[in-house]
Amino acid sequence: ALRFDGPLVFFNAPHFKQEVLATVARAPQVRWVVLDMLPVSKLDVT
């Protein structure tokens, strides 16, 4: 279960993707990644 503390928009979306993939890589035998969307105050096309 993960939480991203901020909007998910053009200037931080690549950083978000890298952080999630890096965290999953450190977590063995993960089947599901559940992203808490409540703190994501804005979501643009990117």
All heavy atoms as atom14 arrays in JSON, in Angstrom:
{
  "sequence": "ALRFDGPLVFFNAPHFKQEVLATVARAPQVRWVVLDMLPVSKLDVT",
  "atom14_mask": [
    [1, 1, 1, 1, 1, 0, 0, 0, 0, 0, 0, 0, 0, 0],
    [1, 1, 1, 1, 1, 1, 1, 1, 0, 0, 0, 0, 0, 0],
    [1, 1, 1, 1, 1, 1, 1, 1, 1, 1, 1, 0, 0, 0],
    [1, 1, 1, 1, 1, 1, 1, 1, 1, 1, 1, 0, 0, 0],
    [1, 1, 1, 1, 1, 1, 1, 1, 0, 0, 0, 0, 0, 0],
    [1, 1, 1, 1, 0, 0, 0, 0, 0, 0, 0, 0, 0, 0],
    [1, 1, 1, 1, 1, 1, 1, 0, 0, 0, 0, 0, 0, 0],
    [1, 1, 1, 1, 1, 1, 1, 1, 0, 0, 0, 0, 0, 0],
    [1, 1, 1, 1, 1, 1, 1, 0, 0, 0, 0, 0, 0, 0],
    [1, 1, 1, 1, 1, 1, 1, 1, 1, 1, 1, 0, 0, 0],
    [1, 1, 1, 1, 1, 1, 1, 1, 1, 1, 1, 0, 0, 0],
    [1, 1, 1, 1, 1, 1, 1, 1, 0, 0, 0, 0, 0, 0],
    [1, 1, 1, 1, 1, 0, 0, 0, 0, 0, 0, 0, 0, 0],
    [1, 1, 1, 1, 1, 1, 1, 0, 0, 0, 0, 0, 0, 0],
    [1, 1, 1, 1, 1, 1, 1, 1, 1, 1, 0, 0, 0, 0],
    [1, 1, 1, 1, 1, 1, 1, 1, 1, 1, 1, 0, 0, 0],
    [1, 1, 1, 1, 1, 1, 1, 1, 1, 0, 0, 0, 0, 0],
    [1, 1, 1, 1, 1, 1, 1, 1, 1, 0, 0, 0, 0, 0],
    [1, 1, 1, 1, 1, 1, 1, 1, 1, 0, 0, 0, 0, 0],
    [1, 1, 1, 1, 1, 1, 1, 0, 0, 0, 0, 0, 0, 0],
    [1, 1, 1, 1, 1, 1, 1, 1, 0, 0, 0, 0, 0, 0],
    [1, 1, 1, 1, 1, 0, 0, 0, 0, 0, 0, 0, 0, 0],
    [1, 1, 1, 1, 1, 1, 1, 0, 0, 0, 0, 0, 0, 0],
    [1, 1, 1, 1, 1, 1, 1, 0, 0, 0, 0, 0, 0, 0],
    [1, 1, 1, 1, 1, 0, 0, 0, 0, 0, 0, 0, 0, 0],
    [1, 1, 1, 1, 1, 1, 1, 1, 1, 1, 1, 0, 0, 0],
    [1, 1, 1, 1, 1, 0, 0, 0, 0, 0, 0, 0, 0, 0],
    [1, 1, 1, 1, 1, 1, 1, 0, 0, 0, 0, 0, 0, 0],
    [1, 1, 1, 1, 1, 1, 1, 1, 1, 0, 0, 0, 0, 0],
    [1, 1, 1, 1, 1, 1, 1, 0, 0, 0, 0, 0, 0, 0],
    [1, 1, 1, 1, 1, 1, 1, 1, 1, 1, 1, 0, 0, 0],
    [1, 1, 1, 1, 1, 1, 1, 1, 1, 1, 1, 1, 1, 1],
    [1, 1, 1, 1, 1, 1, 1, 0, 0, 0, 0, 0, 0, 0],
    [1, 1, 1, 1, 1, 1, 1, 0, 0, 0, 0, 0, 0, 0],
    [1, 1, 1, 1, 1, 1, 1, 1, 0, 0, 0, 0, 0, 0],
    [1, 1, 1, 1, 1, 1, 1, 1, 0, 0, 0, 0, 0, 0],
    [1, 1, 1, 1, 1, 1, 1, 1, 0, 0, 0, 0, 0, 0],
    [1, 1, 1, 1, 1, 1, 1, 1, 0, 0, 0, 0, 0, 0],
    [1, 1, 1, 1, 1, 1, 1, 0, 0, 0, 0, 0, 0, 0],
    [1, 1, 1, 1, 1, 1, 1, 0, 0, 0, 0, 0, 0, 0],
    [1, 1, 1, 1, 1, 1, 0, 0, 0, 0, 0, 0, 0, 0],
    [1, 1, 1, 1, 1, 1, 1, 1, 1, 0, 0, 0, 0, 0],
    [1, 1, 1, 1, 1, 1, 1, 1, 0, 0, 0, 0, 0, 0],
    [1, 1, 1, 1, 1, 1, 1, 1, 0, 0, 0, 0, 0, 0],
    [1, 1, 1, 1, 1, 1, 1, 0, 0, 0, 0, 0, 0, 0],
    [1, 1, 1, 1, 1, 1, 1, 0, 0, 0, 0, 0, 0, 0]
  ],
  "atom14_positions": [
    [[0.86, -1.2, 0.0], [0.0, 0.0, 0.0], [0.89, 1.24, 0.0], [1.78, 1.38, 0.85], [-0.91, -0.01, 1.22], [0.0, 0.0, 0.0], [0.0, 0.0, 0.0], [0.0, 0.0, 0.0], [0.0, 0.0, 0.0], [0.0, 0.0, 0.0], [0.0, 0.0, 0.0], [0.0, 0.0, 0.0], [0.0, 0.0, 0.0], [0.0, 0.0, 0.0]],
    [[0.67, 2.15, -0.96], [1.51, 3.33, -1.13], [0.66, 4.6, -1.11], [-0.5, 4.6, -1.5], [2.28, 3.25, -2.46], [3.21, 2.06, -2.65], [3.82, 2.1, -4.05], [4.32, 2.06, -1.59], [0.0, 0.0, 0.0], [0.0, 0.0, 0.0], [0.0, 0.0, 0.0], [0.0, 0.0, 0.0], [0.0, 0.0, 0.0], [0.0, 0.0, 0.0]],
    [[1.3, 5.68, -0.68], [0.65, 7.0, -0.69], [1.61, 8.01, -1.31], [2.79, 8.09, -0.93], [0.29, 7.43, 0.73], [-0.23, 8.88, 0.82], [-0.47, 9.28, 2.25], [-1.6, 8.55, 2.81], [-1.83, 8.41, 4.1], [-0.98, 8.93, 4.98], [-2.88, 7.75, 4.53], [0.0, 0.0, 0.0], [0.0, 0.0, 0.0], [0.0, 0.0, 0.0]],
    [[1.1, 8.82, -2.26], [1.88, 9.88, -2.91], [1.34, 11.22, -2.4], [0.22, 11.6, -2.69], [1.74, 9.78, -4.43], [2.69, 10.66, -5.2], [4.06, 10.49, -5.1], [2.2, 11.65, -6.05], [4.94, 11.28, -5.83], [3.07, 12.45, -6.78], [4.43, 12.26, -6.66], [0.0, 0.0, 0.0], [0.0, 0.0, 0.0], [0.0, 0.0, 0.0]],
    [[2.16, 11.92, -1.62], [1.69, 13.13, -0.93], [1.77, 14.37, -1.82], [2.6, 15.27, -1.61], [2.51, 13.38, 0.34], [2.17, 12.39, 1.42], [1.02, 11.92, 1.43], [3.04, 12.08, 2.24], [0.0, 0.0, 0.0], [0.0, 0.0, 0.0], [0.0, 0.0, 0.0], [0.0, 0.0, 0.0], [0.0, 0.0, 0.0], [0.0, 0.0, 0.0]],
    [[0.91, 14.44, -2.82], [0.9, 15.61, -3.67], [0.11, 15.38, -4.94], [-0.37, 14.27, -5.19], [0.0, 0.0, 0.0], [0.0, 0.0, 0.0], [0.0, 0.0, 0.0], [0.0, 0.0, 0.0], [0.0, 0.0, 0.0], [0.0, 0.0, 0.0], [0.0, 0.0, 0.0], [0.0, 0.0, 0.0], [0.0, 0.0, 0.0], [0.0, 0.0, 0.0]],
    [[-0.04, 16.41, -5.78], [-0.7, 16.23, -7.06], [0.15, 15.36, -7.98], [1.37, 15.31, -7.84], [-0.82, 17.66, -7.61], [0.32, 18.39, -6.96], [0.46, 17.8, -5.6], [0.0, 0.0, 0.0], [0.0, 0.0, 0.0], [0.0, 0.0, 0.0], [0.0, 0.0, 0.0], [0.0, 0.0, 0.0], [0.0, 0.0, 0.0], [0.0, 0.0, 0.0]],
    [[-0.49, 14.67, -8.89], [0.23, 13.85, -9.87], [0.06, 14.54, -11.22], [-0.94, 14.35, -11.92], [-0.34, 12.44, -9.89], [0.39, 11.41, -10.78], [1.86, 11.35, -10.45], [-0.26, 10.04, -10.65], [0.0, 0.0, 0.0], [0.0, 0.0, 0.0], [0.0, 0.0, 0.0], [0.0, 0.0, 0.0], [0.0, 0.0, 0.0], [0.0, 0.0, 0.0]],
    [[1.05, 15.37, -11.56], [0.96, 16.21, -12.75], [2.27, 16.14, -13.53], [3.2, 15.41, -13.16], [0.63, 17.67, -12.37], [-0.79, 17.79, -11.85], [1.6, 18.19, -11.3], [0.0, 0.0, 0.0], [0.0, 0.0, 0.0], [0.0, 0.0, 0.0], [0.0, 0.0, 0.0], [0.0, 0.0, 0.0], [0.0, 0.0, 0.0], [0.0, 0.0, 0.0]],
    [[2.35, 16.94, -14.58], [3.44, 16.82, -15.57], [4.83, 16.93, -14.97], [5.76, 16.27, -15.43], [3.26, 17.86, -16.67], [3.39, 19.28, -16.21], [4.58, 19.96, -16.34], [2.31, 19.95, -15.66], [4.72, 21.27, -15.92], [2.43, 21.26, -15.24], [3.64, 21.93, -15.38], [0.0, 0.0, 0.0], [0.0, 0.0, 0.0], [0.0, 0.0, 0.0]],
    [[5.02, 17.78, -13.94], [6.38, 18.0, -13.47], [6.83, 17.03, -12.38], [7.98, 17.07, -11.95], [6.59, 19.45, -12.99], [5.59, 19.91, -11.97], [5.68, 19.55, -10.65], [4.55, 20.73, -12.35], [4.77, 19.99, -9.72], [3.62, 21.19, -11.43], [3.74, 20.81, -10.11], [0.0, 0.0, 0.0], [0.0, 0.0, 0.0], [0.0, 0.0, 0.0]],
    [[5.94, 16.16, -11.9], [6.4, 15.17, -10.92], [5.99, 13.74, -11.28], [6.33, 12.8, -10.56], [5.9, 15.52, -9.51], [4.37, 15.49, -9.4], [3.68, 14.87, -10.19], [3.85, 16.19, -8.39], [0.0, 0.0, 0.0], [0.0, 0.0, 0.0], [0.0, 0.0, 0.0], [0.0, 0.0, 0.0], [0.0, 0.0, 0.0], [0.0, 0.0, 0.0]],
    [[5.24, 13.56, -12.38], [4.79, 12.22, -12.76], [5.96, 11.26, -13.03], [5.93, 10.11, -12.55], [3.86, 12.3, -13.97], [0.0, 0.0, 0.0], [0.0, 0.0, 0.0], [0.0, 0.0, 0.0], [0.0, 0.0, 0.0], [0.0, 0.0, 0.0], [0.0, 0.0, 0.0], [0.0, 0.0, 0.0], [0.0, 0.0, 0.0], [0.0, 0.0, 0.0]],
    [[7.02, 11.67, -13.77], [8.15, 10.76, -13.97], [8.81, 10.34, -12.65], [9.19, 9.19, -12.47], [9.11, 11.56, -14.85], [8.24, 12.54, -15.56], [7.18, 12.9, -14.58], [0.0, 0.0, 0.0], [0.0, 0.0, 0.0], [0.0, 0.0, 0.0], [0.0, 0.0, 0.0], [0.0, 0.0, 0.0], [0.0, 0.0, 0.0], [0.0, 0.0, 0.0]],
    [[8.93, 11.32, -11.72], [9.51, 11.03, -10.4], [8.63, 10.01, -9.67], [9.15, 9.06, -9.05], [9.61, 12.33, -9.59], [9.81, 12.13, -8.13], [11.0, 11.7, -7.59], [8.95, 12.28, -7.07], [10.88, 11.61, -6.28], [9.65, 11.95, -5.94], [0.0, 0.0, 0.0], [0.0, 0.0, 0.0], [0.0, 0.0, 0.0], [0.0, 0.0, 0.0]],
    [[7.32, 10.17, -9.73], [6.39, 9.24, -9.1], [6.59, 7.82, -9.64], [6.69, 6.85, -8.88], [4.96, 9.71, -9.35], [3.91, 8.65, -9.17], [3.52, 8.23, -7.91], [3.33, 8.04, -10.28], [2.55, 7.24, -7.76], [2.37, 7.07, -10.14], [1.98, 6.66, -8.87], [0.0, 0.0, 0.0], [0.0, 0.0, 0.0], [0.0, 0.0, 0.0]],
    [[6.66, 7.69, -10.96], [6.82, 6.37, -11.57], [8.13, 5.71, -11.13], [8.15, 4.53, -10.77], [6.79, 6.51, -13.1], [6.9, 5.19, -13.85], [6.85, 5.42, -15.35], [7.02, 4.11, -16.11], [7.01, 4.33, -17.58], [0.0, 0.0, 0.0], [0.0, 0.0, 0.0], [0.0, 0.0, 0.0], [0.0, 0.0, 0.0], [0.0, 0.0, 0.0]],
    [[9.21, 6.49, -11.13], [10.52, 5.94, -10.72], [10.49, 5.47, -9.27], [11.02, 4.4, -8.93], [11.6, 7.0, -10.9], [11.89, 7.34, -12.36], [12.79, 8.55, -12.49], [13.27, 9.09, -11.49], [13.02, 8.99, -13.72], [0.0, 0.0, 0.0], [0.0, 0.0, 0.0], [0.0, 0.0, 0.0], [0.0, 0.0, 0.0], [0.0, 0.0, 0.0]],
    [[9.85, 6.27, -8.39], [9.8, 5.92, -6.97], [8.99, 4.64, -6.75], [9.37, 3.78, -5.95], [9.2, 7.08, -6.17], [10.11, 8.29, -6.04], [11.32, 7.98, -5.18], [11.15, 7.6, -4.01], [12.46, 8.08, -5.7], [0.0, 0.0, 0.0], [0.0, 0.0, 0.0], [0.0, 0.0, 0.0], [0.0, 0.0, 0.0], [0.0, 0.0, 0.0]],
    [[7.86, 4.52, -7.44], [7.04, 3.31, -7.28], [7.8, 2.08, -7.74], [7.85, 1.04, -7.05], [5.71, 3.45, -8.05], [4.95, 2.12, -8.05], [4.84, 4.54, -7.42], [0.0, 0.0, 0.0], [0.0, 0.0, 0.0], [0.0, 0.0, 0.0], [0.0, 0.0, 0.0], [0.0, 0.0, 0.0], [0.0, 0.0, 0.0], [0.0, 0.0, 0.0]],
    [[8.42, 2.16, -8.93], [9.16, 1.0, -9.46], [10.33, 0.64, -8.55], [10.61, -0.55, -8.34], [9.64, 1.3, -10.88], [8.53, 1.43, -11.95], [9.14, 1.83, -13.29], [7.76, 0.11, -12.07], [0.0, 0.0, 0.0], [0.0, 0.0, 0.0], [0.0, 0.0, 0.0], [0.0, 0.0, 0.0], [0.0, 0.0, 0.0], [0.0, 0.0, 0.0]],
    [[11.01, 1.65, -8.01], [12.14, 1.38, -7.11], [11.66, 0.71, -5.83], [12.31, -0.2, -5.3], [12.87, 2.67, -6.8], [0.0, 0.0, 0.0], [0.0, 0.0, 0.0], [0.0, 0.0, 0.0], [0.0, 0.0, 0.0], [0.0, 0.0, 0.0], [0.0, 0.0, 0.0], [0.0, 0.0, 0.0], [0.0, 0.0, 0.0], [0.0, 0.0, 0.0]],
    [[10.51, 1.16, -5.32], [9.98, 0.56, -4.09], [9.54, -0.88, -4.33], [9.79, -1.77, -3.5], [8.79, 1.4, -3.57], [9.21, 2.75, -3.39], [8.27, 0.85, -2.25], [0.0, 0.0, 0.0], [0.0, 0.0, 0.0], [0.0, 0.0, 0.0], [0.0, 0.0, 0.0], [0.0, 0.0, 0.0], [0.0, 0.0, 0.0], [0.0, 0.0, 0.0]],
    [[8.87, -1.13, -5.46], [8.44, -2.49, -5.8], [9.64, -3.41, -5.97], [9.62, -4.58, -5.56], [7.57, -2.47, -7.07], [7.29, -3.89, -7.55], [6.27, -1.73, -6.8], [0.0, 0.0, 0.0], [0.0, 0.0, 0.0], [0.0, 0.0, 0.0], [0.0, 0.0, 0.0], [0.0, 0.0, 0.0], [0.0, 0.0, 0.0], [0.0, 0.0, 0.0]],
    [[10.73, -2.88, -6.55], [11.94, -3.69, -6.76], [12.54, -4.14, -5.43], [13.18, -5.2, -5.36], [12.96, -2.9, -7.56], [0.0, 0.0, 0.0], [0.0, 0.0, 0.0], [0.0, 0.0, 0.0], [0.0, 0.0, 0.0], [0.0, 0.0, 0.0], [0.0, 0.0, 0.0], [0.0, 0.0, 0.0], [0.0, 0.0, 0.0], [0.0, 0.0, 0.0]],
    [[12.34, -3.35, -4.36], [12.88, -3.72, -3.05], [11.93, -4.62, -2.27], [12.26, -5.06, -1.17], [13.17, -2.46, -2.22], [14.2, -1.52, -2.84], [14.73, -0.54, -1.79], [13.65, 0.18, -1.12], [13.12, 1.32, -1.54], [13.57, 1.86, -2.67], [12.15, 1.91, -0.86], [0.0, 0.0, 0.0], [0.0, 0.0, 0.0], [0.0, 0.0, 0.0]],
    [[10.71, -4.83, -2.8], [9.72, -5.61, -2.08], [9.53, -6.97, -2.77], [8.91, -7.03, -3.83], [8.4, -4.84, -2.04], [0.0, 0.0, 0.0], [0.0, 0.0, 0.0], [0.0, 0.0, 0.0], [0.0, 0.0, 0.0], [0.0, 0.0, 0.0], [0.0, 0.0, 0.0], [0.0, 0.0, 0.0], [0.0, 0.0, 0.0], [0.0, 0.0, 0.0]],
    [[10.04, -8.05, -2.21], [9.93, -9.36, -2.86], [8.5, -9.91, -2.8], [7.76, -9.65, -1.84], [10.9, -10.23, -2.05], [10.93, -9.58, -0.7], [10.78, -8.11, -0.94], [0.0, 0.0, 0.0], [0.0, 0.0, 0.0], [0.0, 0.0, 0.0], [0.0, 0.0, 0.0], [0.0, 0.0, 0.0], [0.0, 0.0, 0.0], [0.0, 0.0, 0.0]],
    [[8.13, -10.64, -3.82], [6.87, -11.38, -3.87], [5.63, -10.5, -3.71], [4.65, -10.87, -3.05], [6.86, -12.48, -2.8], [7.99, -13.5, -2.98], [7.99, -14.55, -1.89], [7.34, -14.39, -0.87], [8.71, -15.64, -2.12], [0.0, 0.0, 0.0], [0.0, 0.0, 0.0], [0.0, 0.0, 0.0], [0.0, 0.0, 0.0], [0.0, 0.0, 0.0]],
    [[5.68, -9.3, -4.3], [4.52, -8.41, -4.29], [3.62, -8.77, -5.46], [4.07, -8.9, -6.59], [4.95, -6.92, -4.38], [3.74, -6.03, -4.63], [5.63, -6.5, -3.1], [0.0, 0.0, 0.0], [0.0, 0.0, 0.0], [0.0, 0.0, 0.0], [0.0, 0.0, 0.0], [0.0, 0.0, 0.0], [0.0, 0.0, 0.0], [0.0, 0.0, 0.0]],
    [[2.33, -8.94, -5.18], [1.36, -9.22, -6.23], [0.52, -7.99, -6.59], [0.16, -7.79, -7.73], [0.42, -10.35, -5.8], [1.11, -11.7, -5.6], [0.07, -12.73, -5.19], [0.67, -14.05, -5.02], [-0.03, -15.13, -4.69], [-1.34, -15.03, -4.49], [0.56, -16.31, -4.54], [0.0, 0.0, 0.0], [0.0, 0.0, 0.0], [0.0, 0.0, 0.0]],
    [[0.18, -7.21, -5.56], [-0.64, -6.01, -5.77], [0.08, -4.78, -5.22], [0.69, -4.83, -4.15], [-1.97, -6.14, -5.05], [-3.05, -6.87, -5.81], [-2.88, -7.85, -6.73], [-4.46, -6.67, -5.67], [-4.09, -8.29, -7.2], [-5.1, -7.58, -6.55], [-5.26, -5.84, -4.89], [-6.47, -7.66, -6.69], [-6.63, -5.93, -5.01], [-7.23, -6.82, -5.9]],
    [[-0.01, -3.69, -5.97], [0.36, -2.37, -5.45], [-0.93, -1.57, -5.36], [-1.62, -1.35, -6.37], [1.37, -1.65, -6.37], [1.53, -0.19, -5.94], [2.71, -2.36, -6.35], [0.0, 0.0, 0.0], [0.0, 0.0, 0.0], [0.0, 0.0, 0.0], [0.0, 0.0, 0.0], [0.0, 0.0, 0.0], [0.0, 0.0, 0.0], [0.0, 0.0, 0.0]],
    [[-1.28, -1.15, -4.14], [-2.5, -0.37, -3.93], [-2.08, 1.09, -3.67], [-1.4, 1.38, -2.69], [-3.3, -0.89, -2.73], [-4.59, -0.08, -2.56], [-3.63, -2.37, -2.92], [0.0, 0.0, 0.0], [0.0, 0.0, 0.0], [0.0, 0.0, 0.0], [0.0, 0.0, 0.0], [0.0, 0.0, 0.0], [0.0, 0.0, 0.0], [0.0, 0.0, 0.0]],
    [[-2.5, 1.99, -4.56], [-2.13, 3.4, -4.44], [-3.29, 4.18, -3.84], [-4.39, 4.22, -4.39], [-1.77, 3.98, -5.82], [-1.39, 5.46, -5.85], [-0.12, 5.7, -5.04], [-1.2, 5.94, -7.29], [0.0, 0.0, 0.0], [0.0, 0.0, 0.0], [0.0, 0.0, 0.0], [0.0, 0.0, 0.0], [0.0, 0.0, 0.0], [0.0, 0.0, 0.0]],
    [[-3.04, 4.79, -2.68], [-4.05, 5.62, -2.02], [-4.18, 6.95, -2.79], [-3.25, 7.75, -2.83], [-3.61, 5.89, -0.57], [-4.63, 6.71, 0.2], [-5.73, 6.95, -0.32], [-4.32, 7.13, 1.33], [0.0, 0.0, 0.0], [0.0, 0.0, 0.0], [0.0, 0.0, 0.0], [0.0, 0.0, 0.0], [0.0, 0.0, 0.0], [0.0, 0.0, 0.0]],
    [[-5.33, 7.21, -3.4], [-5.52, 8.38, -4.24], [-6.06, 9.59, -3.48], [-6.17, 10.68, -4.06], [-6.48, 8.05, -5.39], [-5.96, 7.0, -6.35], [-4.43, 7.52, -7.18], [-5.05, 8.85, -8.2], [0.0, 0.0, 0.0], [0.0, 0.0, 0.0], [0.0, 0.0, 0.0], [0.0, 0.0, 0.0], [0.0, 0.0, 0.0], [0.0, 0.0, 0.0]],
    [[-6.4, 9.42, -2.21], [-6.97, 10.55, -1.47], [-6.04, 11.77, -1.4], [-6.49, 12.9, -1.55], [-7.38, 10.11, -0.05], [-8.62, 9.21, 0.02], [-8.88, 8.81, 1.47], [-9.84, 9.91, -0.57], [0.0, 0.0, 0.0], [0.0, 0.0, 0.0], [0.0, 0.0, 0.0], [0.0, 0.0, 0.0], [0.0, 0.0, 0.0], [0.0, 0.0, 0.0]],
    [[-4.72, 11.59, -1.16], [-3.85, 12.77, -1.11], [-3.53, 13.36, -2.49], [-2.93, 14.43, -2.56], [-2.56, 12.25, -0.44], [-2.9, 10.9, 0.08], [-3.98, 10.38, -0.78], [0.0, 0.0, 0.0], [0.0, 0.0, 0.0], [0.0, 0.0, 0.0], [0.0, 0.0, 0.0], [0.0, 0.0, 0.0], [0.0, 0.0, 0.0], [0.0, 0.0, 0.0]],
    [[-3.87, 12.67, -3.57], [-3.55, 13.17, -4.92], [-4.6, 14.22, -5.28], [-5.68, 13.91, -5.78], [-3.55, 12.01, -5.95], [-3.21, 12.55, -7.33], [-2.55, 10.94, -5.52], [0.0, 0.0, 0.0], [0.0, 0.0, 0.0], [0.0, 0.0, 0.0], [0.0, 0.0, 0.0], [0.0, 0.0, 0.0], [0.0, 0.0, 0.0], [0.0, 0.0, 0.0]],
    [[-4.27, 15.47, -5.01], [-5.25, 16.56, -5.13], [-5.55, 16.93, -6.57], [-6.59, 17.51, -6.86], [-4.74, 17.79, -4.38], [-3.46, 18.17, -4.86], [0.0, 0.0, 0.0], [0.0, 0.0, 0.0], [0.0, 0.0, 0.0], [0.0, 0.0, 0.0], [0.0, 0.0, 0.0], [0.0, 0.0, 0.0], [0.0, 0.0, 0.0], [0.0, 0.0, 0.0]],
    [[-4.64, 16.62, -7.5], [-4.86, 16.95, -8.91], [-4.22, 15.87, -9.77], [-3.15, 15.36, -9.45], [-4.27, 18.32, -9.25], [-4.53, 18.77, -10.68], [-4.04, 20.17, -10.92], [-4.25, 20.61, -12.36], [-5.66, 20.54, -12.8], [0.0, 0.0, 0.0], [0.0, 0.0, 0.0], [0.0, 0.0, 0.0], [0.0, 0.0, 0.0], [0.0, 0.0, 0.0]],
    [[-4.89, 15.58, -10.89], [-4.41, 14.56, -11.82], [-4.6, 15.1, -13.23], [-5.73, 15.27, -13.68], [-5.21, 13.26, -11.62], [-4.71, 12.0, -12.34], [-3.35, 11.58, -11.81], [-5.72, 10.86, -12.16], [0.0, 0.0, 0.0], [0.0, 0.0, 0.0], [0.0, 0.0, 0.0], [0.0, 0.0, 0.0], [0.0, 0.0, 0.0], [0.0, 0.0, 0.0]],
    [[-3.49, 15.44, -13.91], [-3.62, 15.96, -15.27], [-3.39, 14.84, -16.29], [-3.25, 13.65, -15.93], [-2.67, 17.14, -15.5], [-1.2, 16.75, -15.49], [-0.9, 15.55, -15.28], [-0.35, 17.62, -15.69], [0.0, 0.0, 0.0], [0.0, 0.0, 0.0], [0.0, 0.0, 0.0], [0.0, 0.0, 0.0], [0.0, 0.0, 0.0], [0.0, 0.0, 0.0]],
    [[-3.36, 15.2, -17.58], [-3.22, 14.21, -18.64], [-1.93, 13.42, -18.49], [-1.89, 12.2, -18.67], [-3.29, 14.89, -20.02], [-2.97, 13.9, -21.13], [-4.67, 15.5, -20.24], [0.0, 0.0, 0.0], [0.0, 0.0, 0.0], [0.0, 0.0, 0.0], [0.0, 0.0, 0.0], [0.0, 0.0, 0.0], [0.0, 0.0, 0.0], [0.0, 0.0, 0.0]],
    [[-0.83, 14.13, -18.16], [0.45, 13.45, -17.98], [0.38, 12.45, -16.83], [0.89, 11.33, -16.92], [1.57, 14.46, -17.71], [1.6, 15.42, -18.77], [2.92, 13.78, -17.62], [0.0, 0.0, 0.0], [0.0, 0.0, 0.0], [0.0, 0.0, 0.0], [0.0, 0.0, 0.0], [0.0, 0.0, 0.0], [0.0, 0.0, 0.0], [0.0, 0.0, 0.0]]
  ]
}
